[in-house]
PDB file of all heavy atoms in Angstrom:
ATOM      1  N   PRO A   1       8.693  -4.800  -6.902  1.00  0.00           N
ATOM      2  CA  PRO A   1       9.242  -4.396  -5.555  1.00  0.00           C
ATOM      3  C   PRO A   1       8.883  -3.041  -5.067  1.00  0.00           C
ATOM      4  O   PRO A   1       8.542  -2.827  -3.987  1.00  0.00           O
ATOM      5  CB  PRO A   1      10.823  -4.556  -5.773  1.00  0.00           C
ATOM      6  CG  PRO A   1      10.980  -5.560  -6.918  1.00  0.00           C
ATOM      7  CD  PRO A   1       9.758  -5.285  -7.834  1.00  0.00           C
ATOM      8  N   LEU A   2       8.739  -2.206  -6.020  1.00  0.00           N
ATOM      9  CA  LEU A   2       8.555  -0.791  -5.732  1.00  0.00           C
ATOM     10  C   LEU A   2       6.960  -0.683  -5.135  1.00  0.00           C
ATOM     11  O   LEU A   2       6.667  -0.130  -4.195  1.00  0.00           O
ATOM     12  CB  LEU A   2       8.581   0.266  -6.835  1.00  0.00           C
ATOM     13  CG  LEU A   2       8.166   1.684  -6.524  1.00  0.00           C
ATOM     14  CD1 LEU A   2       8.948   2.240  -5.418  1.00  0.00           C
ATOM     15  CD2 LEU A   2       8.385   2.463  -7.826  1.00  0.00           C
ATOM     16  N   LEU A   3       6.092  -1.336  -5.886  1.00  0.00           N
ATOM     17  CA  LEU A   3       4.652  -1.450  -5.414  1.00  0.00           C
ATOM     18  C   LEU A   3       4.578  -2.096  -4.192  1.00  0.00           C
ATOM     19  O   LEU A   3       3.754  -1.684  -3.281  1.00  0.00           O
ATOM     20  CB  LEU A   3       3.758  -2.048  -6.603  1.00  0.00           C
ATOM     21  CG  LEU A   3       3.405  -1.269  -7.672  1.00  0.00           C
ATOM     22  CD1 LEU A   3       2.667  -2.040  -8.734  1.00  0.00           C
ATOM     23  CD2 LEU A   3       2.668   0.088  -7.390  1.00  0.00           C
ATOM     24  N   ARG A   4       5.252  -3.184  -3.982  1.00  0.00           N
ATOM     25  CA  ARG A   4       5.223  -3.892  -2.718  1.00  0.00           C
ATOM     26  C   ARG A   4       5.724  -3.002  -1.511  1.00  0.00           C
ATOM     27  O   ARG A   4       5.064  -2.964  -0.484  1.00  0.00           O
ATOM     28  CB  ARG A   4       6.063  -5.147  -2.831  1.00  0.00           C
ATOM     29  CG  ARG A   4       6.172  -5.957  -1.463  1.00  0.00           C
ATOM     30  CD  ARG A   4       7.489  -6.862  -1.321  1.00  0.00           C
ATOM     31  NE  ARG A   4       8.605  -6.030  -1.453  1.00  0.00           N
ATOM     32  CZ  ARG A   4       9.752  -6.465  -2.024  1.00  0.00           C
ATOM     33  NH1 ARG A   4       9.810  -7.743  -2.495  1.00  0.00           N
ATOM     34  NH2 ARG A   4      10.734  -5.715  -2.142  1.00  0.00           N
ATOM     35  N   ASP A   5       6.825  -2.385  -1.734  1.00  0.00           N
ATOM     36  CA  ASP A   5       7.343  -1.414  -0.629  1.00  0.00           C
ATOM     37  C   ASP A   5       6.460  -0.313  -0.392  1.00  0.00           C
ATOM     38  O   ASP A   5       6.278  -0.040   0.783  1.00  0.00           O
ATOM     39  CB  ASP A   5       8.757  -0.927  -1.069  1.00  0.00           C
ATOM     40  CG  ASP A   5       9.881  -2.030  -1.142  1.00  0.00           C
ATOM     41  OD1 ASP A   5       9.453  -3.289  -0.647  1.00  0.00           O
ATOM     42  OD2 ASP A   5      10.903  -1.780  -1.700  1.00  0.00           O
ATOM     43  N   THR A   6       5.753   0.163  -1.490  1.00  0.00           N
ATOM     44  CA  THR A   6       4.909   1.325  -1.271  1.00  0.00           C
ATOM     45  C   THR A   6       3.674   0.815  -0.533  1.00  0.00           C
ATOM     46  O   THR A   6       3.313   1.438   0.419  1.00  0.00           O
ATOM     47  CB  THR A   6       4.489   1.852  -2.606  1.00  0.00           C
ATOM     48  OG1 THR A   6       5.667   2.383  -3.390  1.00  0.00           O
ATOM     49  CG2 THR A   6       3.457   3.124  -2.416  1.00  0.00           C
ATOM     50  N   ALA A   7       3.177  -0.345  -0.805  1.00  0.00           N
ATOM     51  CA  ALA A   7       2.095  -0.882  -0.038  1.00  0.00           C
ATOM     52  C   ALA A   7       2.433  -1.145   1.413  1.00  0.00           C
ATOM     53  O   ALA A   7       1.637  -0.957   2.363  1.00  0.00           O
ATOM     54  CB  ALA A   7       1.541  -2.218  -0.733  1.00  0.00           C
ATOM     55  N   ARG A   8       3.672  -1.542   1.681  1.00  0.00           N
ATOM     56  CA  ARG A   8       4.145  -1.838   3.082  1.00  0.00           C
ATOM     57  C   ARG A   8       4.188  -0.473   3.829  1.00  0.00           C
ATOM     58  O   ARG A   8       3.773  -0.409   4.951  1.00  0.00           O
ATOM     59  CB  ARG A   8       5.533  -2.433   3.019  1.00  0.00           C
ATOM     60  CG  ARG A   8       5.565  -3.963   2.615  1.00  0.00           C
ATOM     61  CD  ARG A   8       6.955  -4.404   2.580  1.00  0.00           C
ATOM     62  NE  ARG A   8       6.931  -5.933   2.315  1.00  0.00           N
ATOM     63  CZ  ARG A   8       8.014  -6.701   2.050  1.00  0.00           C
ATOM     64  NH1 ARG A   8       9.081  -6.093   1.976  1.00  0.00           N
ATOM     65  NH2 ARG A   8       7.852  -7.980   1.855  1.00  0.00           N
ATOM     66  N   VAL A   9       4.649   0.547   3.189  1.00  0.00           N
ATOM     67  CA  VAL A   9       4.675   1.867   3.760  1.00  0.00           C
ATOM     68  C   VAL A   9       3.315   2.414   4.096  1.00  0.00           C
ATOM     69  O   VAL A   9       3.043   2.718   5.274  1.00  0.00           O
ATOM     70  CB  VAL A   9       5.309   2.933   2.909  1.00  0.00           C
ATOM     71  CG1 VAL A   9       5.025   4.448   3.467  1.00  0.00           C
ATOM     72  CG2 VAL A   9       6.773   2.672   2.844  1.00  0.00           C
ATOM     73  N   VAL A  10       2.273   2.202   3.200  1.00  0.00           N
ATOM     74  CA  VAL A  10       0.925   2.561   3.494  1.00  0.00           C
ATOM     75  C   VAL A  10       0.292   1.770   4.527  1.00  0.00           C
ATOM     76  O   VAL A  10      -0.447   2.228   5.444  1.00  0.00           O
ATOM     77  CB  VAL A  10       0.099   2.516   2.144  1.00  0.00           C
ATOM     78  CG1 VAL A  10      -1.437   2.567   2.513  1.00  0.00           C
ATOM     79  CG2 VAL A  10       0.567   3.528   1.246  1.00  0.00           C
ATOM     80  N   GLU A  11       0.534   0.436   4.486  1.00  0.00           N
ATOM     81  CA  GLU A  11      -0.061  -0.415   5.501  1.00  0.00           C
ATOM     82  C   GLU A  11       0.512  -0.174   6.918  1.00  0.00           C
ATOM     83  O   GLU A  11      -0.226  -0.139   7.875  1.00  0.00           O
ATOM     84  CB  GLU A  11       0.150  -1.889   5.180  1.00  0.00           C
ATOM     85  CG  GLU A  11      -0.471  -2.325   3.880  1.00  0.00           C
ATOM     86  CD  GLU A  11      -1.571  -3.315   4.052  1.00  0.00           C
ATOM     87  OE1 GLU A  11      -1.741  -3.910   5.090  1.00  0.00           O
ATOM     88  OE2 GLU A  11      -2.436  -3.452   3.144  1.00  0.00           O
ATOM     89  N   THR A  12       1.819   0.031   6.972  1.00  0.00           N
ATOM     90  CA  THR A  12       2.410   0.338   8.282  1.00  0.00           C
ATOM     91  C   THR A  12       2.001   1.595   8.910  1.00  0.00           C
ATOM     92  O   THR A  12       1.663   1.652  10.076  1.00  0.00           O
ATOM     93  CB  THR A  12       4.025   0.315   8.247  1.00  0.00           C
ATOM     94  OG1 THR A  12       4.377  -0.894   7.662  1.00  0.00           O
ATOM     95  CG2 THR A  12       4.585   0.660   9.449  1.00  0.00           C
ATOM     96  N   LEU A  13       1.821   2.663   8.033  1.00  0.00           N
ATOM     97  CA  LEU A  13       1.616   3.990   8.529  1.00  0.00           C
ATOM     98  C   LEU A  13       0.036   4.219   8.787  1.00  0.00           C
ATOM     99  O   LEU A  13      -0.429   5.028   9.581  1.00  0.00           O
ATOM    100  CB  LEU A  13       2.106   5.177   7.713  1.00  0.00           C
ATOM    101  CG  LEU A  13       3.638   5.084   7.674  1.00  0.00           C
ATOM    102  CD1 LEU A  13       3.950   6.283   6.651  1.00  0.00           C
ATOM    103  CD2 LEU A  13       4.288   5.354   9.009  1.00  0.00           C
ATOM    104  N   CYS A  14      -0.789   3.495   7.993  1.00  0.00           N
ATOM    105  CA  CYS A  14      -2.181   3.864   8.048  1.00  0.00           C
ATOM    106  C   CYS A  14      -3.066   2.752   8.614  1.00  0.00           C
ATOM    107  O   CYS A  14      -4.254   2.891   9.018  1.00  0.00           O
ATOM    108  CB  CYS A  14      -2.811   4.133   6.522  1.00  0.00           C
ATOM    109  SG  CYS A  14      -1.905   5.425   5.765  1.00  0.00           S
ATOM    110  N   ARG A  15      -2.571   1.537   8.674  1.00  0.00           N
ATOM    111  CA  ARG A  15      -3.286   0.260   9.241  1.00  0.00           C
ATOM    112  C   ARG A  15      -4.693   0.196   8.654  1.00  0.00           C
ATOM    113  O   ARG A  15      -5.694   0.125   9.312  1.00  0.00           O
ATOM    114  CB  ARG A  15      -3.390   0.485  10.673  1.00  0.00           C
ATOM    115  CG  ARG A  15      -2.042   0.457  11.439  1.00  0.00           C
ATOM    116  CD  ARG A  15      -1.401  -0.831  11.360  1.00  0.00           C
ATOM    117  NE  ARG A  15      -0.174  -0.826  12.073  1.00  0.00           N
ATOM    118  CZ  ARG A  15       0.872  -1.686  11.840  1.00  0.00           C
ATOM    119  NH1 ARG A  15       0.747  -2.523  10.832  1.00  0.00           N
ATOM    120  NH2 ARG A  15       2.047  -1.616  12.548  1.00  0.00           N
ATOM    121  N   PRO A  16      -4.871   0.255   7.230  1.00  0.00           N
ATOM    122  CA  PRO A  16      -6.175   0.110   6.714  1.00  0.00           C
ATOM    123  C   PRO A  16      -6.662  -1.277   6.660  1.00  0.00           C
ATOM    124  O   PRO A  16      -5.930  -2.240   6.820  1.00  0.00           O
ATOM    125  CB  PRO A  16      -5.889   0.592   5.278  1.00  0.00           C
ATOM    126  CG  PRO A  16      -4.425   0.093   5.023  1.00  0.00           C
ATOM    127  CD  PRO A  16      -3.740   0.269   6.353  1.00  0.00           C
ATOM    128  N   GLU A  17      -7.946  -1.455   6.518  1.00  0.00           N
ATOM    129  CA  GLU A  17      -8.597  -2.775   6.286  1.00  0.00           C
ATOM    130  C   GLU A  17      -8.326  -3.297   4.926  1.00  0.00           C
ATOM    131  O   GLU A  17      -8.214  -4.494   4.708  1.00  0.00           O
ATOM    132  CB  GLU A  17     -10.125  -2.601   6.546  1.00  0.00           C
ATOM    133  CG  GLU A  17     -10.628  -2.561   7.926  1.00  0.00           C
ATOM    134  CD  GLU A  17     -10.552  -0.968   8.420  1.00  0.00           C
ATOM    135  OE1 GLU A  17     -10.436  -0.067   7.661  1.00  0.00           O
ATOM    136  OE2 GLU A  17     -10.500  -0.770   9.662  1.00  0.00           O
ATOM    137  N   GLN A  18      -8.121  -2.401   3.883  1.00  0.00           N
ATOM    138  CA  GLN A  18      -7.674  -2.634   2.500  1.00  0.00           C
ATOM    139  C   GLN A  18      -6.703  -1.611   2.057  1.00  0.00           C
ATOM    140  O   GLN A  18      -6.777  -0.534   2.475  1.00  0.00           O
ATOM    141  CB  GLN A  18      -8.951  -2.571   1.633  1.00  0.00           C
ATOM    142  CG  GLN A  18      -9.935  -3.668   1.870  1.00  0.00           C
ATOM    143  CD  GLN A  18      -9.620  -4.830   0.878  1.00  0.00           C
ATOM    144  OE1 GLN A  18      -8.790  -4.644  -0.084  1.00  0.00           O
ATOM    145  NE2 GLN A  18     -10.222  -5.967   1.089  1.00  0.00           N
ATOM    146  N   THR A  19      -5.872  -2.083   1.189  1.00  0.00           N
ATOM    147  CA  THR A  19      -4.959  -1.161   0.340  1.00  0.00           C
ATOM    148  C   THR A  19      -5.209  -1.357  -1.062  1.00  0.00           C
ATOM    149  O   THR A  19      -4.973  -2.526  -1.641  1.00  0.00           O
ATOM    150  CB  THR A  19      -3.528  -1.457   0.768  1.00  0.00           C
ATOM    151  OG1 THR A  19      -3.199  -1.094   2.125  1.00  0.00           O
ATOM    152  CG2 THR A  19      -2.590  -0.550  -0.113  1.00  0.00           C
ATOM    153  N   TYR A  20      -5.797  -0.412  -1.618  1.00  0.00           N
ATOM    154  CA  TYR A  20      -6.082  -0.498  -3.155  1.00  0.00           C
ATOM    155  C   TYR A  20      -4.779  -0.237  -3.897  1.00  0.00           C
ATOM    156  O   TYR A  20      -3.972   0.806  -3.641  1.00  0.00           O
ATOM    157  CB  TYR A  20      -7.254   0.518  -3.552  1.00  0.00           C
ATOM    158  CG  TYR A  20      -8.498   0.247  -2.983  1.00  0.00           C
ATOM    159  CD1 TYR A  20      -9.514   1.243  -3.208  1.00  0.00           C
ATOM    160  CD2 TYR A  20      -8.898  -0.926  -2.252  1.00  0.00           C
ATOM    161  CE1 TYR A  20     -10.823   1.077  -2.692  1.00  0.00           C
ATOM    162  CE2 TYR A  20     -10.163  -1.066  -1.871  1.00  0.00           C
ATOM    163  CZ  TYR A  20     -11.133  -0.136  -2.016  1.00  0.00           C
ATOM    164  OH  TYR A  20     -12.407  -0.368  -1.454  1.00  0.00           O
ATOM    165  N   VAL A  21      -4.490  -0.941  -5.015  1.00  0.00           N
ATOM    166  CA  VAL A  21      -3.583  -0.562  -5.939  1.00  0.00           C
ATOM    167  C   VAL A  21      -4.083  -0.518  -7.256  1.00  0.00           C
ATOM    168  O   VAL A  21      -4.599  -1.579  -7.797  1.00  0.00           O
ATOM    169  CB  VAL A  21      -2.307  -1.666  -5.771  1.00  0.00           C
ATOM    170  CG1 VAL A  21      -1.394  -1.263  -6.961  1.00  0.00           C
ATOM    171  CG2 VAL A  21      -1.837  -1.788  -4.462  1.00  0.00           C
ATOM    172  N   CYS A  22      -4.275   0.716  -7.834  1.00  0.00           N
ATOM    173  CA  CYS A  22      -4.944   0.917  -9.168  1.00  0.00           C
ATOM    174  C   CYS A  22      -4.225   1.688 -10.067  1.00  0.00           C
ATOM    175  O   CYS A  22      -3.538   2.694  -9.594  1.00  0.00           O
ATOM    176  CB  CYS A  22      -6.203   1.701  -8.781  1.00  0.00           C
ATOM    177  SG  CYS A  22      -7.241   0.906  -7.332  1.00  0.00           S
ATOM    178  N   MET A  23      -4.303   1.323 -11.297  1.00  0.00           N
ATOM    179  CA  MET A  23      -3.586   2.014 -12.397  1.00  0.00           C
ATOM    180  C   MET A  23      -4.628   3.156 -12.906  1.00  0.00           C
ATOM    181  O   MET A  23      -5.844   2.796 -13.240  1.00  0.00           O
ATOM    182  CB  MET A  23      -3.197   1.131 -13.564  1.00  0.00           C
ATOM    183  CG  MET A  23      -2.351   1.860 -14.535  1.00  0.00           C
ATOM    184  SD  MET A  23      -2.281   0.974 -16.165  1.00  0.00           S
ATOM    185  CE  MET A  23      -3.838   1.408 -16.800  1.00  0.00           C
ATOM    186  N   TRP A  24      -4.056   4.319 -13.172  1.00  0.00           N
ATOM    187  CA  TRP A  24      -4.662   5.463 -13.762  1.00  0.00           C
ATOM    188  C   TRP A  24      -3.897   6.026 -14.906  1.00  0.00           C
ATOM    189  O   TRP A  24      -2.777   6.100 -14.707  1.00  0.00           O
ATOM    190  CB  TRP A  24      -5.156   6.509 -12.825  1.00  0.00           C
ATOM    191  CG  TRP A  24      -5.973   6.054 -11.636  1.00  0.00           C
ATOM    192  CD1 TRP A  24      -5.455   5.579 -10.443  1.00  0.00           C
ATOM    193  CD2 TRP A  24      -7.333   6.125 -11.563  1.00  0.00           C
ATOM    194  NE1 TRP A  24      -6.409   5.318  -9.613  1.00  0.00           N
ATOM    195  CE2 TRP A  24      -7.714   5.625 -10.266  1.00  0.00           C
ATOM    196  CE3 TRP A  24      -8.372   6.377 -12.372  1.00  0.00           C
ATOM    197  CZ2 TRP A  24      -9.035   5.427  -9.887  1.00  0.00           C
ATOM    198  CZ3 TRP A  24      -9.670   6.300 -11.907  1.00  0.00           C
ATOM    199  CH2 TRP A  24      -9.958   5.791 -10.652  1.00  0.00           C
TER     200      TRP A  24
END
């Protein structure tokens, strides 16, 4: 749920063509 919500924030504010979710 945290990753989903974080991706929603990024998508809403930045309107990207892609949102990468990567582990480092």
